Amino acid sequence: MDSPAGLLIRPELKGDYEKITGLNDLAFGQQGEGRLVETLRRNPLFIKGLSLVALIEGNLVGHILFFPVLIRDGHKVFRSLVLAPMSVLPGYQRKGIGTALVNAGIDEAREGKHRSVIVSGRREYYTRFGFRPAILYGILPPVNLSADLFFALELIPEGLDGVSGIVEYPPEFSGF
């Protein structure tokens, strides 16, 4: 699917914060994800270049966030990113904006030398980007998430070699 004409994707700016919160609230029909982004932004692990916005004619129509997570297997700890949340304004959904955001975010994560990304979502959507069931890597979701909806993507060749365990989300994710 092609992106809409005039679509611009860039890192978020301070002036975008309120609009990102409102966008998430509208896209998800609740206030949880908007508050989650606000809270994660205050976490010292937040990576500014991995919170991206999509604009059409200067209007913010989409947002995606990649945030550091840990994969823990006993005493072994591995670093990864989680793609969450991603939102597109309801009137702009199914027009390629989400796809453009995912692709741009993956590119930015690769450039930042990150090894992998984890996501919880629909198989038919995320497998288009190369995500595979995380269980194939020996990676399990936290107990409150379904392994059937949990996927991983290697950003570099063999980026998940030797990695296994349970993904630990930052505390900000609890309750969302």
N, C-alpha and C. Protein backbone atom coordinates (compact mmCIF):
# COMPACT_ATOMS: atom_id res chain seq x y z
N MET A 1 0.85 -1.18 0.00
CA MET A 1 0.00 0.00 0.00
C MET A 1 0.89 1.24 0.00
N ASP A 2 0.61 2.15 -0.89
CA ASP A 2 1.36 3.40 -0.97
C ASP A 2 0.95 4.34 0.14
N SER A 3 1.88 5.19 0.55
CA SER A 3 1.58 6.22 1.55
C SER A 3 0.82 7.35 0.87
N PRO A 4 0.00 8.07 1.63
CA PRO A 4 -0.72 9.21 1.06
C PRO A 4 0.25 10.29 0.60
N ALA A 5 -0.16 11.03 -0.40
CA ALA A 5 0.65 12.14 -0.92
C ALA A 5 0.91 13.15 0.20
N GLY A 6 2.12 13.64 0.25
CA GLY A 6 2.45 14.67 1.23
C GLY A 6 2.73 14.14 2.62
N LEU A 7 2.81 12.83 2.81
CA LEU A 7 3.07 12.27 4.13
C LEU A 7 4.51 12.57 4.54
N LEU A 8 4.68 13.11 5.74
CA LEU A 8 5.99 13.39 6.30
C LEU A 8 6.09 12.64 7.63
N ILE A 9 7.17 11.91 7.81
CA ILE A 9 7.41 11.23 9.08
C ILE A 9 8.70 11.80 9.65
N ARG A 10 8.63 12.20 10.94
CA ARG A 10 9.79 12.79 11.59
C ARG A 10 9.73 12.47 13.09
N PRO A 11 10.87 12.65 13.79
CA PRO A 11 10.84 12.48 15.25
C PRO A 11 9.91 13.51 15.88
N GLU A 12 9.30 13.13 16.98
CA GLU A 12 8.42 14.07 17.69
C GLU A 12 9.21 15.27 18.18
N LEU A 13 8.50 16.39 18.31
CA LEU A 13 9.05 17.61 18.89
C LEU A 13 8.22 17.94 20.13
N LYS A 14 8.77 18.76 21.01
CA LYS A 14 8.07 19.11 22.24
C LYS A 14 6.67 19.67 21.95
N GLY A 15 6.55 20.44 20.89
CA GLY A 15 5.25 21.01 20.53
C GLY A 15 4.23 19.98 20.08
N ASP A 16 4.65 18.74 19.85
CA ASP A 16 3.75 17.67 19.42
C ASP A 16 3.11 16.93 20.60
N TYR A 17 3.65 17.09 21.81
CA TYR A 17 3.27 16.23 22.93
C TYR A 17 1.77 16.15 23.16
N GLU A 18 1.12 17.30 23.28
CA GLU A 18 -0.34 17.29 23.53
C GLU A 18 -1.10 16.65 22.38
N LYS A 19 -0.67 16.94 21.15
CA LYS A 19 -1.34 16.37 19.98
C LYS A 19 -1.16 14.85 19.94
N ILE A 20 0.02 14.36 20.35
CA ILE A 20 0.25 12.91 20.38
C ILE A 20 -0.67 12.25 21.39
N THR A 21 -0.83 12.87 22.55
CA THR A 21 -1.74 12.32 23.56
C THR A 21 -3.15 12.27 23.00
N GLY A 22 -3.62 13.35 22.42
CA GLY A 22 -4.97 13.39 21.85
C GLY A 22 -5.16 12.40 20.72
N LEU A 23 -4.16 12.27 19.87
CA LEU A 23 -4.20 11.32 18.77
C LEU A 23 -4.36 9.90 19.28
N ASN A 24 -3.55 9.51 20.28
CA ASN A 24 -3.66 8.17 20.86
C ASN A 24 -5.03 7.95 21.49
N ASP A 25 -5.53 8.96 22.20
CA ASP A 25 -6.85 8.85 22.82
C ASP A 25 -7.93 8.60 21.77
N LEU A 26 -7.88 9.35 20.67
CA LEU A 26 -8.87 9.17 19.59
C LEU A 26 -8.72 7.83 18.89
N ALA A 27 -7.49 7.45 18.58
CA ALA A 27 -7.25 6.21 17.84
C ALA A 27 -7.66 4.99 18.63
N PHE A 28 -7.44 5.00 19.95
CA PHE A 28 -7.76 3.84 20.78
C PHE A 28 -9.11 3.97 21.47
N GLY A 29 -9.76 5.14 21.36
CA GLY A 29 -11.06 5.33 21.98
C GLY A 29 -11.02 5.31 23.49
N GLN A 30 -9.86 5.63 24.05
CA GLN A 30 -9.69 5.69 25.51
C GLN A 30 -8.44 6.51 25.81
N GLN A 31 -8.21 6.79 27.09
CA GLN A 31 -7.09 7.66 27.44
C GLN A 31 -5.82 6.91 27.85
N GLY A 32 -5.83 5.60 27.90
CA GLY A 32 -4.69 4.83 28.38
C GLY A 32 -3.41 5.03 27.60
N GLU A 33 -3.46 4.86 26.29
CA GLU A 33 -2.24 4.92 25.48
C GLU A 33 -1.64 6.32 25.45
N GLY A 34 -2.49 7.35 25.42
CA GLY A 34 -1.98 8.71 25.46
C GLY A 34 -1.22 8.99 26.74
N ARG A 35 -1.76 8.53 27.87
CA ARG A 35 -1.08 8.70 29.16
C ARG A 35 0.20 7.86 29.21
N LEU A 36 0.15 6.67 28.60
CA LEU A 36 1.33 5.81 28.57
C LEU A 36 2.49 6.53 27.88
N VAL A 37 2.24 7.13 26.73
CA VAL A 37 3.30 7.84 26.00
C VAL A 37 3.84 8.99 26.86
N GLU A 38 2.96 9.74 27.51
CA GLU A 38 3.40 10.84 28.37
C GLU A 38 4.31 10.33 29.48
N THR A 39 3.92 9.23 30.09
CA THR A 39 4.69 8.66 31.19
C THR A 39 6.03 8.11 30.72
N LEU A 40 6.03 7.40 29.59
CA LEU A 40 7.27 6.84 29.06
C LEU A 40 8.26 7.94 28.68
N ARG A 41 7.75 9.06 28.22
CA ARG A 41 8.62 10.17 27.82
C ARG A 41 9.45 10.67 29.01
N ARG A 42 8.96 10.48 30.22
CA ARG A 42 9.68 10.93 31.42
C ARG A 42 10.68 9.87 31.91
N ASN A 43 10.63 8.66 31.35
CA ASN A 43 11.53 7.59 31.74
C ASN A 43 12.91 7.88 31.14
N PRO A 44 14.00 7.78 31.92
CA PRO A 44 15.33 8.07 31.37
C PRO A 44 15.75 7.16 30.21
N LEU A 45 15.08 6.03 30.03
CA LEU A 45 15.40 5.13 28.91
C LEU A 45 14.77 5.57 27.59
N PHE A 46 13.87 6.55 27.64
CA PHE A 46 13.18 7.03 26.44
C PHE A 46 14.21 7.47 25.39
N ILE A 47 14.03 7.03 24.16
CA ILE A 47 14.93 7.38 23.06
C ILE A 47 14.17 8.34 22.14
N LYS A 48 14.55 9.59 22.19
CA LYS A 48 13.82 10.64 21.48
C LYS A 48 13.61 10.34 19.99
N GLY A 49 14.62 9.82 19.32
CA GLY A 49 14.51 9.55 17.89
C GLY A 49 13.64 8.36 17.54
N LEU A 50 13.13 7.64 18.54
CA LEU A 50 12.28 6.48 18.27
C LEU A 50 10.82 6.74 18.64
N SER A 51 10.46 8.00 18.79
CA SER A 51 9.07 8.41 18.92
C SER A 51 8.80 9.28 17.70
N LEU A 52 8.10 8.70 16.72
CA LEU A 52 7.93 9.34 15.41
C LEU A 52 6.48 9.77 15.21
N VAL A 53 6.32 10.84 14.46
CA VAL A 53 4.98 11.31 14.11
C VAL A 53 4.82 11.33 12.59
N ALA A 54 3.59 11.17 12.16
CA ALA A 54 3.24 11.27 10.74
C ALA A 54 2.40 12.53 10.57
N LEU A 55 2.75 13.32 9.57
CA LEU A 55 2.01 14.56 9.29
C LEU A 55 1.57 14.58 7.84
N ILE A 56 0.38 15.11 7.62
CA ILE A 56 -0.12 15.39 6.28
C ILE A 56 -0.57 16.84 6.29
N GLU A 57 0.01 17.63 5.40
CA GLU A 57 -0.29 19.06 5.32
C GLU A 57 -0.14 19.73 6.68
N GLY A 58 0.88 19.33 7.43
CA GLY A 58 1.15 19.92 8.72
C GLY A 58 0.31 19.40 9.87
N ASN A 59 -0.66 18.53 9.58
CA ASN A 59 -1.53 17.99 10.62
C ASN A 59 -1.00 16.64 11.10
N LEU A 60 -0.89 16.50 12.41
CA LEU A 60 -0.41 15.25 12.99
C LEU A 60 -1.51 14.19 12.86
N VAL A 61 -1.21 13.12 12.13
CA VAL A 61 -2.22 12.08 11.86
C VAL A 61 -1.80 10.70 12.36
N GLY A 62 -0.54 10.56 12.81
CA GLY A 62 -0.09 9.27 13.29
C GLY A 62 1.10 9.39 14.22
N HIS A 63 1.31 8.36 15.03
CA HIS A 63 2.42 8.32 15.98
C HIS A 63 2.83 6.87 16.21
N ILE A 64 4.12 6.67 16.43
CA ILE A 64 4.64 5.34 16.79
C ILE A 64 5.77 5.54 17.80
N LEU A 65 5.86 4.60 18.73
CA LEU A 65 6.91 4.65 19.74
C LEU A 65 7.61 3.29 19.83
N PHE A 66 8.92 3.32 19.85
CA PHE A 66 9.74 2.14 20.12
C PHE A 66 10.44 2.43 21.44
N PHE A 67 10.33 1.51 22.40
CA PHE A 67 10.85 1.76 23.74
C PHE A 67 11.67 0.56 24.21
N PRO A 68 12.78 0.80 24.93
CA PRO A 68 13.62 -0.30 25.39
C PRO A 68 12.89 -1.24 26.37
N VAL A 69 13.13 -2.53 26.17
CA VAL A 69 12.64 -3.56 27.08
C VAL A 69 13.78 -4.55 27.32
N LEU A 70 13.60 -5.38 28.33
CA LEU A 70 14.55 -6.43 28.63
C LEU A 70 13.92 -7.79 28.36
N ILE A 71 14.74 -8.73 27.96
CA ILE A 71 14.33 -10.13 27.85
C ILE A 71 15.20 -10.86 28.86
N ARG A 72 14.55 -11.47 29.86
CA ARG A 72 15.28 -12.07 30.97
C ARG A 72 15.11 -13.58 30.96
N ASP A 73 16.25 -14.26 31.05
CA ASP A 73 16.28 -15.72 31.14
C ASP A 73 17.19 -16.07 32.31
N GLY A 74 16.59 -16.22 33.49
CA GLY A 74 17.38 -16.45 34.69
C GLY A 74 18.27 -15.26 34.96
N HIS A 75 19.58 -15.49 34.99
CA HIS A 75 20.53 -14.40 35.24
C HIS A 75 20.96 -13.70 33.97
N LYS A 76 20.57 -14.23 32.82
CA LYS A 76 20.93 -13.60 31.54
C LYS A 76 19.89 -12.54 31.19
N VAL A 77 20.38 -11.39 30.74
CA VAL A 77 19.48 -10.29 30.36
C VAL A 77 19.89 -9.79 28.97
N PHE A 78 18.89 -9.66 28.11
CA PHE A 78 19.11 -9.18 26.75
C PHE A 78 18.28 -7.92 26.55
N ARG A 79 18.78 -7.02 25.73
CA ARG A 79 18.06 -5.76 25.44
C ARG A 79 17.34 -5.86 24.11
N SER A 80 16.17 -5.27 24.05
CA SER A 80 15.41 -5.20 22.82
C SER A 80 14.59 -3.91 22.86
N LEU A 81 13.76 -3.74 21.86
CA LEU A 81 12.80 -2.63 21.83
C LEU A 81 11.41 -3.22 21.74
N VAL A 82 10.43 -2.50 22.23
CA VAL A 82 9.03 -2.87 22.01
C VAL A 82 8.41 -1.78 21.15
N LEU A 83 7.61 -2.18 20.18
CA LEU A 83 6.85 -1.26 19.35
C LEU A 83 5.49 -1.11 20.05
N ALA A 84 5.30 0.02 20.72
CA ALA A 84 4.02 0.25 21.42
C ALA A 84 4.04 1.63 22.05
N PRO A 85 2.98 2.36 21.88
CA PRO A 85 1.86 2.11 20.97
C PRO A 85 2.11 2.70 19.58
N MET A 86 1.23 2.33 18.67
CA MET A 86 1.19 2.94 17.34
C MET A 86 -0.25 3.38 17.13
N SER A 87 -0.43 4.59 16.63
CA SER A 87 -1.79 5.09 16.44
C SER A 87 -1.89 5.94 15.17
N VAL A 88 -3.05 5.87 14.56
CA VAL A 88 -3.37 6.70 13.39
C VAL A 88 -4.78 7.23 13.62
N LEU A 89 -4.97 8.50 13.34
CA LEU A 89 -6.31 9.09 13.51
C LEU A 89 -7.34 8.26 12.74
N PRO A 90 -8.52 8.06 13.33
CA PRO A 90 -9.52 7.21 12.66
C PRO A 90 -9.80 7.56 11.20
N GLY A 91 -9.88 8.81 10.84
CA GLY A 91 -10.17 9.19 9.46
C GLY A 91 -9.03 8.92 8.49
N TYR A 92 -7.87 8.58 9.00
CA TYR A 92 -6.69 8.35 8.17
C TYR A 92 -6.23 6.89 8.18
N GLN A 93 -6.96 6.05 8.89
CA GLN A 93 -6.58 4.64 8.96
C GLN A 93 -6.81 3.93 7.63
N ARG A 94 -6.06 2.87 7.42
CA ARG A 94 -6.13 2.05 6.20
C ARG A 94 -5.74 2.83 4.94
N LYS A 95 -4.80 3.77 5.12
CA LYS A 95 -4.31 4.56 3.99
C LYS A 95 -2.79 4.44 3.85
N GLY A 96 -2.17 3.52 4.61
CA GLY A 96 -0.74 3.31 4.52
C GLY A 96 0.09 4.10 5.52
N ILE A 97 -0.54 4.88 6.38
CA ILE A 97 0.21 5.69 7.34
C ILE A 97 0.85 4.81 8.41
N GLY A 98 0.11 3.84 8.93
CA GLY A 98 0.67 2.91 9.92
C GLY A 98 1.85 2.15 9.34
N THR A 99 1.70 1.67 8.11
CA THR A 99 2.78 0.94 7.44
C THR A 99 4.02 1.83 7.32
N ALA A 100 3.82 3.08 6.91
CA ALA A 100 4.94 4.01 6.77
C ALA A 100 5.60 4.27 8.13
N LEU A 101 4.81 4.39 9.18
CA LEU A 101 5.36 4.60 10.53
C LEU A 101 6.18 3.40 10.98
N VAL A 102 5.65 2.19 10.78
CA VAL A 102 6.39 0.98 11.18
C VAL A 102 7.71 0.90 10.43
N ASN A 103 7.66 1.09 9.12
CA ASN A 103 8.89 1.01 8.32
C ASN A 103 9.91 2.08 8.74
N ALA A 104 9.45 3.30 8.97
CA ALA A 104 10.35 4.37 9.38
C ALA A 104 10.94 4.07 10.76
N GLY A 105 10.12 3.56 11.66
CA GLY A 105 10.61 3.23 13.00
C GLY A 105 11.63 2.11 12.98
N ILE A 106 11.37 1.09 12.17
CA ILE A 106 12.33 -0.01 12.04
C ILE A 106 13.65 0.51 11.48
N ASP A 107 13.58 1.38 10.47
CA ASP A 107 14.80 1.96 9.91
C ASP A 107 15.58 2.76 10.96
N GLU A 108 14.87 3.56 11.74
CA GLU A 108 15.53 4.35 12.79
C GLU A 108 16.16 3.45 13.85
N ALA A 109 15.45 2.39 14.22
CA ALA A 109 15.98 1.46 15.22
C ALA A 109 17.24 0.77 14.70
N ARG A 110 17.23 0.40 13.43
CA ARG A 110 18.43 -0.22 12.83
C ARG A 110 19.61 0.76 12.85
N GLU A 111 19.33 2.00 12.46
CA GLU A 111 20.39 3.02 12.44
C GLU A 111 20.94 3.26 13.84
N GLY A 112 20.10 3.09 14.86
CA GLY A 112 20.53 3.25 16.25
C GLY A 112 21.23 2.03 16.79
N LYS A 113 21.50 1.06 15.93
CA LYS A 113 22.23 -0.16 16.28
C LYS A 113 21.48 -1.07 17.25
N HIS A 114 20.16 -0.98 17.27
CA HIS A 114 19.36 -1.90 18.08
C HIS A 114 19.30 -3.24 17.36
N ARG A 115 19.20 -4.31 18.13
CA ARG A 115 19.28 -5.66 17.58
C ARG A 115 17.93 -6.26 17.23
N SER A 116 16.86 -5.85 17.94
CA SER A 116 15.57 -6.50 17.72
C SER A 116 14.42 -5.62 18.21
N VAL A 117 13.23 -6.00 17.76
CA VAL A 117 11.99 -5.33 18.17
C VAL A 117 10.97 -6.41 18.51
N ILE A 118 10.22 -6.17 19.57
CA ILE A 118 9.13 -7.03 20.01
C ILE A 118 7.83 -6.26 19.81
N VAL A 119 6.76 -6.97 19.46
CA VAL A 119 5.46 -6.32 19.33
C VAL A 119 4.36 -7.30 19.69
N SER A 120 3.29 -6.78 20.23
CA SER A 120 2.10 -7.58 20.48
C SER A 120 1.01 -7.02 19.56
N GLY A 121 0.45 -7.88 18.71
CA GLY A 121 -0.55 -7.40 17.77
C GLY A 121 -1.02 -8.48 16.82
N ARG A 122 -1.66 -8.05 15.76
CA ARG A 122 -2.25 -8.99 14.80
C ARG A 122 -1.20 -9.60 13.89
N ARG A 123 -1.21 -10.91 13.78
CA ARG A 123 -0.26 -11.65 12.95
C ARG A 123 -0.26 -11.13 11.51
N GLU A 124 -1.45 -10.98 10.91
CA GLU A 124 -1.50 -10.59 9.50
C GLU A 124 -0.93 -9.21 9.25
N TYR A 125 -0.91 -8.37 10.26
CA TYR A 125 -0.35 -7.03 10.10
C TYR A 125 1.18 -7.05 10.25
N TYR A 126 1.66 -7.56 11.36
CA TYR A 126 3.08 -7.43 11.67
C TYR A 126 3.98 -8.40 10.91
N THR A 127 3.48 -9.52 10.45
CA THR A 127 4.33 -10.42 9.67
C THR A 127 4.71 -9.80 8.33
N ARG A 128 3.95 -8.83 7.86
CA ARG A 128 4.30 -8.13 6.60
C ARG A 128 5.63 -7.41 6.69
N PHE A 129 6.06 -7.08 7.92
CA PHE A 129 7.31 -6.35 8.13
C PHE A 129 8.46 -7.28 8.48
N GLY A 130 8.18 -8.58 8.49
CA GLY A 130 9.22 -9.55 8.82
C GLY A 130 9.18 -10.05 10.25
N PHE A 131 8.21 -9.59 11.03
CA PHE A 131 8.07 -10.11 12.39
C PHE A 131 7.68 -11.59 12.32
N ARG A 132 8.22 -12.37 13.24
CA ARG A 132 7.91 -13.79 13.35
C ARG A 132 7.42 -14.06 14.76
N PRO A 133 6.66 -15.14 14.96
CA PRO A 133 6.24 -15.45 16.34
C PRO A 133 7.46 -15.48 17.27
N ALA A 134 7.39 -14.74 18.36
CA ALA A 134 8.52 -14.63 19.28
C ALA A 134 8.90 -15.98 19.87
N ILE A 135 7.94 -16.86 20.00
CA ILE A 135 8.19 -18.19 20.57
C ILE A 135 9.23 -18.95 19.73
N LEU A 136 9.32 -18.65 18.44
CA LEU A 136 10.31 -19.31 17.58
C LEU A 136 11.74 -18.97 18.02
N TYR A 137 11.90 -17.86 18.72
CA TYR A 137 13.21 -17.46 19.25
C TYR A 137 13.37 -17.86 20.73
N GLY A 138 12.32 -18.47 21.28
CA GLY A 138 12.36 -18.79 22.70
C GLY A 138 12.02 -17.59 23.57
N ILE A 139 11.35 -16.61 22.96
CA ILE A 139 10.97 -15.39 23.68
C ILE A 139 9.49 -15.46 24.02
N LEU A 140 9.19 -15.25 25.29
CA LEU A 140 7.82 -15.34 25.78
C LEU A 140 7.34 -13.98 26.26
N PRO A 141 6.03 -13.75 26.12
CA PRO A 141 5.47 -12.49 26.64
C PRO A 141 5.30 -12.56 28.15
N PRO A 142 5.11 -11.39 28.77
CA PRO A 142 4.71 -11.41 30.18
C PRO A 142 3.40 -12.18 30.30
N VAL A 143 3.07 -12.65 31.48
CA VAL A 143 1.89 -13.50 31.66
C VAL A 143 0.59 -12.89 31.19
N ASN A 144 0.47 -11.58 31.18
CA ASN A 144 -0.80 -10.96 30.80
C ASN A 144 -0.99 -10.81 29.30
N LEU A 145 -0.04 -11.29 28.49
CA LEU A 145 -0.17 -11.19 27.04
C LEU A 145 -0.18 -12.58 26.41
N SER A 146 -0.89 -12.72 25.30
CA SER A 146 -0.99 -14.00 24.61
C SER A 146 0.22 -14.23 23.71
N ALA A 147 0.81 -15.42 23.81
CA ALA A 147 1.95 -15.78 22.96
C ALA A 147 1.54 -15.81 21.49
N ASP A 148 0.26 -16.03 21.19
CA ASP A 148 -0.23 -16.06 19.80
C ASP A 148 -0.18 -14.69 19.14
N LEU A 149 -0.13 -13.65 19.94
CA LEU A 149 -0.14 -12.28 19.43
C LEU A 149 1.19 -11.57 19.70
N PHE A 150 2.24 -12.34 19.93
CA PHE A 150 3.52 -11.79 20.35
C PHE A 150 4.59 -12.13 19.32
N PHE A 151 5.25 -11.09 18.77
CA PHE A 151 6.15 -11.27 17.64
C PHE A 151 7.49 -10.58 17.88
N ALA A 152 8.50 -11.05 17.15
CA ALA A 152 9.84 -10.48 17.25
C ALA A 152 10.42 -10.28 15.85
N LEU A 153 11.28 -9.29 15.74
CA LEU A 153 11.94 -8.98 14.48
C LEU A 153 13.42 -8.74 14.76
N GLU A 154 14.28 -9.44 14.03
CA GLU A 154 15.72 -9.18 14.10
C GLU A 154 16.03 -7.97 13.23
N LEU A 155 16.66 -6.97 13.80
CA LEU A 155 17.02 -5.77 13.05
C LEU A 155 18.37 -5.90 12.37
N ILE A 156 19.18 -6.81 12.88
CA ILE A 156 20.46 -7.12 12.26
C ILE A 156 20.50 -8.64 12.09
N PRO A 157 21.29 -9.14 11.16
CA PRO A 157 21.37 -10.58 11.00
C PRO A 157 21.77 -11.25 12.33
N GLU A 158 21.03 -12.28 12.68
CA GLU A 158 21.27 -13.05 13.90
C GLU A 158 21.14 -12.19 15.16
N GLY A 159 20.34 -11.15 15.08
CA GLY A 159 20.14 -10.24 16.21
C GLY A 159 19.50 -10.88 17.42
N LEU A 160 18.87 -12.03 17.24
CA LEU A 160 18.26 -12.72 18.37
C LEU A 160 18.93 -14.07 18.64
N ASP A 161 20.06 -14.32 18.02
CA ASP A 161 20.78 -15.57 18.30
C ASP A 161 21.17 -15.62 19.78
N GLY A 162 20.85 -16.73 20.41
CA GLY A 162 21.20 -16.92 21.81
C GLY A 162 20.29 -16.19 22.77
N VAL A 163 19.30 -15.46 22.26
CA VAL A 163 18.37 -14.71 23.11
C VAL A 163 17.16 -15.59 23.40
N SER A 164 16.77 -15.65 24.65
CA SER A 164 15.54 -16.33 25.03
C SER A 164 15.12 -15.78 26.38
N GLY A 165 13.89 -16.04 26.75
CA GLY A 165 13.41 -15.60 28.05
C GLY A 165 12.08 -14.89 27.95
N ILE A 166 11.73 -14.24 29.04
CA ILE A 166 10.46 -13.52 29.15
C ILE A 166 10.72 -12.03 29.02
N VAL A 167 9.91 -11.38 28.21
CA VAL A 167 10.05 -9.93 28.01
C VAL A 167 9.55 -9.21 29.25
N GLU A 168 10.35 -8.26 29.71
CA GLU A 168 9.97 -7.41 30.84
C GLU A 168 9.75 -5.99 30.34
N TYR A 169 8.49 -5.57 30.42
CA TYR A 169 8.16 -4.21 30.05
C TYR A 169 8.50 -3.28 31.21
N PRO A 170 8.81 -2.02 30.92
CA PRO A 170 9.01 -1.05 32.00
C PRO A 170 7.72 -0.93 32.83
N PRO A 171 7.83 -0.52 34.09
CA PRO A 171 6.66 -0.45 34.97
C PRO A 171 5.53 0.43 34.43
N GLU A 172 5.88 1.41 33.57
CA GLU A 172 4.86 2.31 33.01
C GLU A 172 3.79 1.55 32.23
N PHE A 173 4.14 0.38 31.70
CA PHE A 173 3.20 -0.39 30.90
C PHE A 173 2.15 -1.12 31.74
N SER A 174 2.40 -1.28 33.03
CA SER A 174 1.43 -2.02 33.86
C SER A 174 0.11 -1.24 33.88
N GLY A 175 -0.95 -1.95 33.68
CA GLY A 175 -2.27 -1.33 33.65
C GLY A 175 -2.71 -0.88 32.26
N PHE A 176 -1.86 -1.07 31.25
CA PHE A 176 -2.27 -0.67 29.90
C PHE A 176 -2.51 -1.90 29.06
